[in-house]
Amino acid sequence: QLAASGDGDRPERCVEVVFEGRHGRPPVILWYPEDALEEVQPPKSLVDAKVAFEKAEEELKRKQADLKSAQEFCTKEKKGWMTKQE
């Protein structure tokens, strides 16, 4: 996006900034001149929490795969018992 400054200068580049809505409310979308923004690194505790969350998600996927494998094994065992009784 470009915004004219009104004094005949080159238009400034604008950046859309989205603040996510909370508790079911819609997001707030604001436009700022690119020069007015500065990139800020997230706090270390937030980065650490994200890494821990990603590790937990990977572990969950592994546990879900293990559970599915165990369920399939038990189903096969159960079918084996049923055919032996007949």
N, C-alpha and C. Protein backbone atom coordinates (compact mmCIF):
# COMPACT_ATOMS: atom_id res chain seq x y z
N GLN A 1 0.84 -1.18 0.00
CA GLN A 1 0.00 0.00 0.00
C GLN A 1 0.88 1.24 0.00
N LEU A 2 0.42 2.25 -0.68
CA LEU A 2 1.13 3.52 -0.69
C LEU A 2 0.18 4.60 -0.21
N ALA A 3 0.71 5.54 0.55
CA ALA A 3 -0.10 6.65 1.05
C ALA A 3 0.58 7.95 0.69
N ALA A 4 -0.17 8.86 0.11
CA ALA A 4 0.40 10.16 -0.25
C ALA A 4 0.50 11.03 0.99
N SER A 5 1.62 11.75 1.10
CA SER A 5 1.81 12.61 2.27
C SER A 5 1.18 13.98 2.08
N GLY A 6 0.82 14.34 0.85
CA GLY A 6 0.12 15.59 0.63
C GLY A 6 1.03 16.75 0.26
N ASP A 7 2.34 16.65 0.46
CA ASP A 7 3.23 17.78 0.16
C ASP A 7 4.01 17.56 -1.14
N GLY A 8 3.56 16.63 -1.98
CA GLY A 8 4.21 16.40 -3.25
C GLY A 8 5.37 15.43 -3.21
N ASP A 9 5.75 14.96 -2.02
CA ASP A 9 6.82 13.98 -1.92
C ASP A 9 6.34 12.63 -2.44
N ARG A 10 7.33 11.74 -2.57
CA ARG A 10 7.02 10.37 -2.95
C ARG A 10 6.09 9.75 -1.91
N PRO A 11 5.10 8.96 -2.33
CA PRO A 11 4.21 8.33 -1.34
C PRO A 11 4.99 7.36 -0.44
N GLU A 12 4.58 7.29 0.83
CA GLU A 12 5.20 6.38 1.79
C GLU A 12 4.59 5.00 1.64
N ARG A 13 5.42 3.98 1.88
CA ARG A 13 4.90 2.62 1.90
C ARG A 13 4.18 2.42 3.24
N CYS A 14 3.04 1.75 3.18
CA CYS A 14 2.27 1.45 4.40
C CYS A 14 2.27 -0.05 4.64
N VAL A 15 2.12 -0.41 5.89
CA VAL A 15 2.12 -1.81 6.29
C VAL A 15 0.84 -2.09 7.08
N GLU A 16 0.21 -3.21 6.74
CA GLU A 16 -0.98 -3.63 7.46
C GLU A 16 -0.54 -4.37 8.72
N VAL A 17 -1.07 -3.95 9.86
CA VAL A 17 -0.77 -4.61 11.14
C VAL A 17 -2.08 -5.15 11.68
N VAL A 18 -2.09 -6.46 11.96
CA VAL A 18 -3.31 -7.12 12.42
C VAL A 18 -3.14 -7.51 13.88
N PHE A 19 -4.03 -7.02 14.71
CA PHE A 19 -4.09 -7.40 16.12
C PHE A 19 -5.23 -8.40 16.25
N GLU A 20 -4.89 -9.65 16.52
CA GLU A 20 -5.89 -10.71 16.55
C GLU A 20 -6.95 -10.43 17.60
N GLY A 21 -8.20 -10.72 17.24
CA GLY A 21 -9.30 -10.54 18.17
C GLY A 21 -9.27 -11.61 19.26
N ARG A 22 -9.81 -11.29 20.38
CA ARG A 22 -9.86 -12.24 21.49
C ARG A 22 -11.29 -12.41 21.95
N HIS A 23 -11.57 -13.57 22.51
CA HIS A 23 -12.89 -13.87 23.08
C HIS A 23 -13.99 -13.69 22.04
N GLY A 24 -13.73 -14.18 20.82
CA GLY A 24 -14.74 -14.16 19.77
C GLY A 24 -14.86 -12.84 19.03
N ARG A 25 -14.05 -11.87 19.37
CA ARG A 25 -14.13 -10.58 18.68
C ARG A 25 -13.27 -10.62 17.42
N PRO A 26 -13.66 -9.82 16.43
CA PRO A 26 -12.88 -9.82 15.19
C PRO A 26 -11.53 -9.12 15.38
N PRO A 27 -10.59 -9.39 14.48
CA PRO A 27 -9.29 -8.73 14.60
C PRO A 27 -9.40 -7.23 14.31
N VAL A 28 -8.45 -6.46 14.84
CA VAL A 28 -8.36 -5.04 14.56
C VAL A 28 -7.23 -4.88 13.54
N ILE A 29 -7.54 -4.25 12.42
CA ILE A 29 -6.57 -4.08 11.35
C ILE A 29 -6.24 -2.60 11.24
N LEU A 30 -4.97 -2.27 11.38
CA LEU A 30 -4.52 -0.89 11.29
C LEU A 30 -3.43 -0.79 10.22
N TRP A 31 -3.34 0.38 9.61
CA TRP A 31 -2.30 0.64 8.61
C TRP A 31 -1.35 1.68 9.18
N TYR A 32 -0.05 1.40 9.08
CA TYR A 32 0.98 2.31 9.58
C TYR A 32 1.99 2.59 8.47
N PRO A 33 2.59 3.79 8.49
CA PRO A 33 3.70 4.03 7.56
C PRO A 33 4.85 3.07 7.91
N GLU A 34 5.48 2.52 6.91
CA GLU A 34 6.55 1.54 7.14
C GLU A 34 7.65 2.12 8.01
N ASP A 35 7.95 3.41 7.85
CA ASP A 35 9.02 4.04 8.64
C ASP A 35 8.68 4.15 10.12
N ALA A 36 7.39 4.07 10.47
CA ALA A 36 6.99 4.23 11.87
C ALA A 36 7.11 2.93 12.66
N LEU A 37 7.34 1.82 11.95
CA LEU A 37 7.40 0.52 12.63
C LEU A 37 8.84 0.09 12.83
N GLU A 38 9.04 -0.65 13.90
CA GLU A 38 10.35 -1.25 14.13
C GLU A 38 10.15 -2.70 14.53
N GLU A 39 11.06 -3.54 14.07
CA GLU A 39 10.94 -4.96 14.37
C GLU A 39 11.47 -5.20 15.77
N VAL A 40 10.67 -5.89 16.56
CA VAL A 40 11.02 -6.19 17.95
C VAL A 40 11.08 -7.69 18.12
N GLN A 41 12.14 -8.17 18.72
CA GLN A 41 12.27 -9.60 18.98
C GLN A 41 11.35 -9.99 20.14
N PRO A 42 10.71 -11.15 20.05
CA PRO A 42 9.84 -11.59 21.14
C PRO A 42 10.68 -11.91 22.38
N PRO A 43 10.08 -11.81 23.56
CA PRO A 43 10.80 -12.15 24.80
C PRO A 43 11.27 -13.61 24.77
N LYS A 44 12.41 -13.86 25.40
CA LYS A 44 12.99 -15.20 25.43
C LYS A 44 12.01 -16.22 26.01
N SER A 45 11.27 -15.82 27.02
CA SER A 45 10.32 -16.75 27.64
C SER A 45 9.25 -17.19 26.63
N LEU A 46 8.85 -16.29 25.75
CA LEU A 46 7.85 -16.62 24.74
C LEU A 46 8.45 -17.56 23.69
N VAL A 47 9.69 -17.30 23.29
CA VAL A 47 10.38 -18.17 22.33
C VAL A 47 10.55 -19.56 22.93
N ASP A 48 10.96 -19.61 24.21
CA ASP A 48 11.12 -20.90 24.88
C ASP A 48 9.80 -21.66 24.98
N ALA A 49 8.72 -20.93 25.26
CA ALA A 49 7.41 -21.57 25.35
C ALA A 49 7.00 -22.13 24.00
N LYS A 50 7.31 -21.42 22.92
CA LYS A 50 6.97 -21.91 21.58
C LYS A 50 7.75 -23.19 21.26
N VAL A 51 9.02 -23.21 21.61
CA VAL A 51 9.85 -24.40 21.36
C VAL A 51 9.30 -25.59 22.16
N ALA A 52 8.96 -25.34 23.43
CA ALA A 52 8.41 -26.41 24.28
C ALA A 52 7.09 -26.91 23.71
N PHE A 53 6.27 -26.01 23.22
CA PHE A 53 4.98 -26.38 22.63
C PHE A 53 5.18 -27.25 21.40
N GLU A 54 6.13 -26.87 20.55
CA GLU A 54 6.40 -27.64 19.34
C GLU A 54 6.91 -29.04 19.68
N LYS A 55 7.75 -29.14 20.70
CA LYS A 55 8.24 -30.45 21.14
C LYS A 55 7.08 -31.29 21.67
N ALA A 56 6.19 -30.67 22.43
CA ALA A 56 5.04 -31.38 22.98
C ALA A 56 4.13 -31.88 21.85
N GLU A 57 3.96 -31.06 20.82
CA GLU A 57 3.14 -31.49 19.68
C GLU A 57 3.76 -32.71 18.99
N GLU A 58 5.09 -32.69 18.81
CA GLU A 58 5.76 -33.83 18.19
C GLU A 58 5.60 -35.09 19.05
N GLU A 59 5.75 -34.94 20.35
CA GLU A 59 5.59 -36.07 21.27
C GLU A 59 4.16 -36.60 21.21
N LEU A 60 3.19 -35.70 21.15
CA LEU A 60 1.79 -36.10 21.04
C LEU A 60 1.56 -36.91 19.77
N LYS A 61 2.13 -36.47 18.65
CA LYS A 61 1.96 -37.22 17.40
C LYS A 61 2.57 -38.61 17.52
N ARG A 62 3.73 -38.71 18.17
CA ARG A 62 4.35 -40.03 18.36
C ARG A 62 3.47 -40.91 19.24
N LYS A 63 2.95 -40.35 20.32
CA LYS A 63 2.08 -41.13 21.23
C LYS A 63 0.80 -41.56 20.52
N GLN A 64 0.24 -40.68 19.68
CA GLN A 64 -0.97 -41.05 18.94
C GLN A 64 -0.69 -42.19 17.98
N ALA A 65 0.49 -42.15 17.33
CA ALA A 65 0.86 -43.25 16.42
C ALA A 65 1.05 -44.54 17.21
N ASP A 66 1.68 -44.46 18.39
CA ASP A 66 1.85 -45.65 19.23
C ASP A 66 0.49 -46.21 19.66
N LEU A 67 -0.42 -45.33 20.03
CA LEU A 67 -1.75 -45.76 20.45
C LEU A 67 -2.48 -46.45 19.29
N LYS A 68 -2.40 -45.86 18.11
CA LYS A 68 -3.07 -46.46 16.96
C LYS A 68 -2.49 -47.84 16.67
N SER A 69 -1.17 -47.97 16.75
CA SER A 69 -0.52 -49.25 16.53
C SER A 69 -0.98 -50.28 17.56
N ALA A 70 -1.04 -49.86 18.82
CA ALA A 70 -1.48 -50.77 19.89
C ALA A 70 -2.94 -51.18 19.69
N GLN A 71 -3.78 -50.24 19.28
CA GLN A 71 -5.19 -50.56 19.04
C GLN A 71 -5.33 -51.56 17.89
N GLU A 72 -4.55 -51.37 16.84
CA GLU A 72 -4.61 -52.30 15.71
C GLU A 72 -4.14 -53.69 16.14
N PHE A 73 -3.08 -53.74 16.95
CA PHE A 73 -2.59 -55.03 17.45
C PHE A 73 -3.66 -55.73 18.28
N CYS A 74 -4.29 -54.97 19.18
CA CYS A 74 -5.33 -55.56 20.04
C CYS A 74 -6.52 -56.05 19.21
N THR A 75 -6.86 -55.30 18.18
CA THR A 75 -7.97 -55.72 17.31
C THR A 75 -7.64 -57.04 16.62
N LYS A 76 -6.40 -57.15 16.14
CA LYS A 76 -5.98 -58.41 15.49
C LYS A 76 -5.99 -59.56 16.49
N GLU A 77 -5.50 -59.32 17.71
CA GLU A 77 -5.49 -60.35 18.75
C GLU A 77 -6.91 -60.79 19.07
N LYS A 78 -7.79 -59.83 19.19
CA LYS A 78 -9.19 -60.12 19.52
C LYS A 78 -9.83 -60.97 18.42
N LYS A 79 -9.56 -60.63 17.17
CA LYS A 79 -10.09 -61.42 16.06
C LYS A 79 -9.53 -62.83 16.08
N GLY A 80 -8.25 -62.95 16.45
CA GLY A 80 -7.62 -64.27 16.56
C GLY A 80 -8.28 -65.11 17.63
N TRP A 81 -8.63 -64.52 18.75
CA TRP A 81 -9.30 -65.26 19.83
C TRP A 81 -10.68 -65.72 19.38
N MET A 82 -11.38 -64.85 18.65
CA MET A 82 -12.73 -65.16 18.22
C MET A 82 -12.73 -66.33 17.23
N THR A 83 -11.74 -66.38 16.35
CA THR A 83 -11.71 -67.47 15.35
C THR A 83 -11.29 -68.79 16.01
N LYS A 84 -10.50 -68.74 17.07
CA LYS A 84 -10.07 -69.96 17.77
C LYS A 84 -11.22 -70.60 18.52
N GLN A 85 -12.16 -69.79 19.02
CA GLN A 85 -13.27 -70.30 19.81
C GLN A 85 -14.30 -71.00 18.92
N GLU A 86 -14.35 -70.67 17.67
CA GLU A 86 -15.37 -71.24 16.77
C GLU A 86 -15.02 -72.60 16.29
